[in-house]
Amino acid sequence: LPRSEAAAAAAAEAAGRASSLEASLAALSPRVAADEAARAALEGAVRELAAAVEAVHHKAVGACSELRSELEPRLAAAEQRLEATEAELQAVADEAQGAAASAARGAAQASQTQEAAARRI
């Protein structure tokens, strides 16, 4: 008889624990559902953000390409103008150097002429 009482007490305790676990599970079910819904919403937001980032990247690449297409010809033209200016400056420098050499020769001749005139006097 004590065994059956012990068994009945154990069964009653097990039933109480089962009932308590069922209540805990019932209390957790809405939280689990809310967590799953939040996770699904977060995954959706991440997908939207990834799509937005991809769109911005695509626009940025397009804008850079357009800018490059616009600026490359301008850069080439500026480089040509720079080369032409450098050539002009070199021509002016050469001309100035030639004029300076000619002036130096003229000054030397004038000096020689002066010396010769001074000797005659």
Foldseek 3Di string as FASTA:
>chain_A
DVVVVVVVVVVVVVVVVVVVVVVVVVVCVVVVVVVVVVVVVVVVVVVVVVVVVVVVVVVVVVVVVVVCVVVVVVVVVVVVVVVVVVVVVVVVVVVVVVVVVVVVVVVVVVVVVVVVVVVVD
